[in-house]
Protein backbone atom coordinates (compact mmCIF):
# COMPACT_ATOMS: atom_id res chain seq x y z
CA VAL A 1 -19.30 95.51 17.44
CA ASP A 2 -20.30 96.34 21.01
CA HIS A 3 -19.82 99.82 22.44
CA TYR A 4 -16.46 98.78 23.99
CA GLY A 5 -14.96 98.26 20.54
CA SER A 6 -14.95 94.46 20.60
CA TYR A 7 -16.54 91.93 18.32
CA ARG A 8 -16.69 88.14 18.22
CA GLU A 9 -15.42 85.94 15.42
CA GLY A 10 -16.34 82.38 16.37
CA ASN A 11 -14.75 81.84 19.78
CA ALA A 12 -12.25 84.68 19.36
CA VAL A 13 -12.86 88.22 20.51
CA THR A 14 -11.04 91.04 18.72
CA TYR A 15 -10.64 94.52 20.17
CA GLU A 16 -10.35 97.58 17.98
CA ALA A 17 -7.60 100.04 18.84
CA SER A 18 -8.28 103.01 21.06
CA GLU A 19 -9.29 106.34 19.59
CA ASP A 20 -5.58 107.16 19.39
CA GLY A 21 -4.94 104.19 17.06
CA PHE A 22 -5.99 103.35 13.54
CA GLU A 23 -9.22 101.54 12.74
CA GLU A 24 -7.39 98.62 11.14
CA ASP A 25 -5.29 98.01 14.29
CA THR A 26 -6.78 95.20 16.33
CA ILE A 27 -5.72 93.23 19.37
CA THR A 28 -6.72 89.62 19.84
CA PRO A 29 -6.43 88.63 23.51
CA VAL A 30 -4.55 85.63 24.78
CA PHE A 31 -7.11 83.49 26.58
CA PHE A 32 -6.11 81.65 29.74
CA ASN A 33 -7.80 79.49 32.37
CA LYS A 34 -7.80 79.48 36.15
CA ASN A 35 -4.66 77.79 37.54
CA SER A 36 -2.83 78.07 34.19
CA LYS A 37 0.67 79.52 34.62
CA ILE A 38 1.24 82.21 32.00
CA SER A 39 4.86 83.14 31.23
CA THR A 40 5.84 86.40 29.56
CA ASP A 41 9.15 88.24 29.17
CA SER A 42 8.63 90.08 32.47
CA CYS A 43 6.64 87.75 34.71
CA GLU A 44 4.78 84.53 35.36
CA PHE A 45 1.23 84.88 36.63
CA THR A 46 -1.53 82.51 37.63
CA LEU A 47 -5.16 83.26 38.43
CA THR A 48 -5.64 80.94 41.41
CA GLY A 49 -9.30 81.72 42.01
CA TYR A 50 -11.95 84.32 42.57
CA ASN A 51 -14.58 85.08 45.17
CA ILE A 52 -17.61 87.35 45.30
CA SER A 53 -18.45 88.53 48.79
CA ASN A 54 -19.57 91.51 50.89
CA ARG A 55 -16.36 91.33 52.91
CA ILE A 56 -12.85 90.34 51.77
CA GLU A 57 -10.47 89.26 54.56
CA PRO A 58 -6.94 87.85 54.49
CA SER A 59 -7.06 84.05 54.66
CA ASN A 60 -3.68 83.30 56.28
CA PHE A 61 -3.18 86.19 58.69
CA ASP A 62 -0.92 85.54 61.66
CA GLY A 63 -1.49 88.38 64.14
CA TYR A 64 -4.02 90.40 66.13
CA TYR A 65 -5.03 93.21 63.77
CA TYR A 66 -5.65 92.95 60.06
CA HIS A 67 -7.04 94.93 57.14
CA TYR A 68 -10.22 93.93 55.32
CA TYR A 69 -12.43 95.35 52.59
CA GLU A 70 -16.18 95.69 53.08
CA ALA A 71 -18.49 96.64 50.23
CA SER A 72 -20.95 99.46 50.62
CA SER A 73 -24.65 98.71 50.96
CA GLY A 74 -26.09 97.00 47.86
CA ASN A 75 -22.65 96.10 46.53
CA VAL A 76 -20.19 93.22 46.72
CA TYR A 77 -16.50 92.79 45.98
CA VAL A 78 -15.14 90.56 43.26
CA ASP A 79 -11.79 89.29 44.53
CA LEU A 80 -9.46 87.93 41.82
CA LYS A 81 -6.57 85.99 43.40
CA PHE A 82 -3.25 85.93 41.52
CA THR A 83 0.29 84.79 42.12
CA ILE A 84 2.89 86.81 40.22
CA LYS A 85 6.60 86.08 39.80
CA ASN A 86 8.91 88.88 38.64
CA LEU A 87 11.15 87.58 35.82
CA LYS A 88 12.92 90.91 35.25
CA ASN A 89 16.44 91.39 36.58
CA THR A 90 15.43 94.48 38.59
CA ASP A 91 12.77 95.41 41.13
CA VAL A 92 9.41 96.35 39.61
CA ALA A 93 6.59 98.40 41.16
CA GLN A 94 4.00 95.87 42.30
CA ASN A 95 1.11 97.62 40.60
CA SER A 96 2.88 97.79 37.23
CA VAL A 97 3.28 94.06 36.50
CA LEU A 98 -0.33 93.54 35.39
CA LYS A 99 -1.72 96.73 33.83
CA ALA A 100 -5.24 97.97 33.29
CA VAL A 101 -6.86 94.93 34.91
CA LYS A 102 -10.62 95.11 34.70
CA LEU A 103 -13.65 92.96 35.23
CA ILE A 104 -16.25 92.82 32.47
CA TYR A 105 -19.76 91.86 33.48
CA ASP A 106 -22.47 90.79 31.02
CA ASP A 107 -20.18 91.58 28.03
CA LYS A 108 -20.71 95.33 28.50
CA TYR A 109 -20.07 96.68 32.02
CA GLU A 110 -16.44 97.37 32.90
CA TYR A 111 -14.99 97.77 36.39
CA LYS A 112 -11.39 98.70 37.11
CA CYS A 113 -9.57 96.44 39.60
CA SER A 114 -7.33 97.67 42.40
CA PHE A 115 -4.22 95.75 43.47
CA VAL A 116 -3.90 94.53 47.05
CA THR A 117 -0.74 92.66 48.10
CA VAL A 118 -0.67 89.85 50.61
CA ALA A 119 2.19 90.82 52.95
CA LYS A 120 4.60 88.32 54.51
CA ASP A 121 2.47 88.17 57.70
CA GLY A 122 -0.62 87.34 55.62
CA ASP A 123 -2.28 90.76 56.04
CA PHE A 124 -3.40 92.92 53.12
CA GLU A 125 -1.20 95.80 51.97
CA GLY A 126 -3.10 98.20 49.75
CA PHE A 127 -0.35 100.63 48.71
CA THR A 128 1.19 98.56 45.91
CA SER A 129 2.51 101.65 44.12
CA LEU A 130 4.87 102.23 47.07
CA TYR A 131 6.43 98.76 47.07
CA SER A 132 8.29 96.63 44.58
CA ILE A 133 8.57 92.96 43.76
CA SER A 134 12.18 91.73 43.60
CA PRO A 135 13.68 89.71 40.74
CA LEU A 136 12.46 86.07 40.83
CA GLU A 137 10.21 86.83 43.81
CA THR A 138 6.68 85.39 43.77
CA MET A 139 3.93 87.25 45.61
CA GLU A 140 0.21 86.76 46.14
CA TYR A 141 -2.13 89.53 45.01
CA HIS A 142 -5.84 90.22 45.19
CA LEU A 143 -7.35 92.40 42.50
CA LEU A 144 -10.53 93.87 43.95
CA THR A 145 -13.43 95.68 42.41
CA GLU A 146 -16.69 96.75 43.99
CA VAL A 147 -19.74 95.94 41.89
CA PRO A 148 -23.55 95.92 42.30
CA MET A 149 -25.02 92.90 44.14
CA GLU A 150 -26.64 91.60 40.92
CA VAL A 151 -23.18 90.58 39.61
CA LYS A 152 -23.07 87.89 42.32
CA SER A 153 -26.54 86.47 41.80
CA SER A 154 -27.31 86.91 38.10
CA GLY A 155 -25.10 84.18 36.60
CA LYS A 156 -24.33 86.44 33.63
CA SER A 157 -20.85 86.41 32.08
CA LEU A 158 -17.87 87.58 34.09
CA VAL A 159 -14.47 88.10 32.45
CA CYS A 160 -11.11 89.28 33.77
CA ARG A 161 -8.92 91.22 31.32
CA GLY A 162 -5.47 92.76 31.80
CA GLU A 163 -2.30 93.70 30.00
CA VAL A 164 1.22 92.30 30.39
CA ASP A 165 4.15 93.21 28.12
CA GLY A 166 1.81 94.83 25.57
CA GLU A 167 -0.41 91.73 25.25
CA ILE A 168 -4.02 91.56 26.41
CA TYR A 169 -4.84 88.48 28.53
CA GLU A 170 -8.40 87.36 29.19
CA CYS A 171 -9.94 84.73 31.46
CA ILE A 172 -13.63 83.80 31.39
CA LEU A 173 -14.66 83.38 35.02
CA ARG A 174 -18.22 82.33 34.20
């Protein structure tokens, strides 16, 4: 068992419940791959790619001014690119579709990801808690986290983990 409460059984990883749960409660994540469409009761999501860079800019911006994210000195951003379709019959807060998304580096360092929406004009919109995604609407999101430069160059493991509808989903990036 590592200090994050997970242990490996063959190729499976099992996570022990939080301190609020019972020791015998475990969660086995649903593993998925890049470009695999995952369907749940509330949404469909696809990890379309990821990038590690000092500066994250919108790729399809159509205008004069745009927002970008620049890492502080000695750091880089990991940019996880997702498409998400709302399958609920009501609007849902954009930042509540995927919950507790984090990046795990070297099987032990965890970094919380922040949602950034790609607006209709292609620019980034960072206030996802203020906006909703309509029923059957598909939107593009970037989940960003700032990490030390060594994450980019080390080649050590990099995993994306998040929760949807009470299930834990995990994708091995490298």
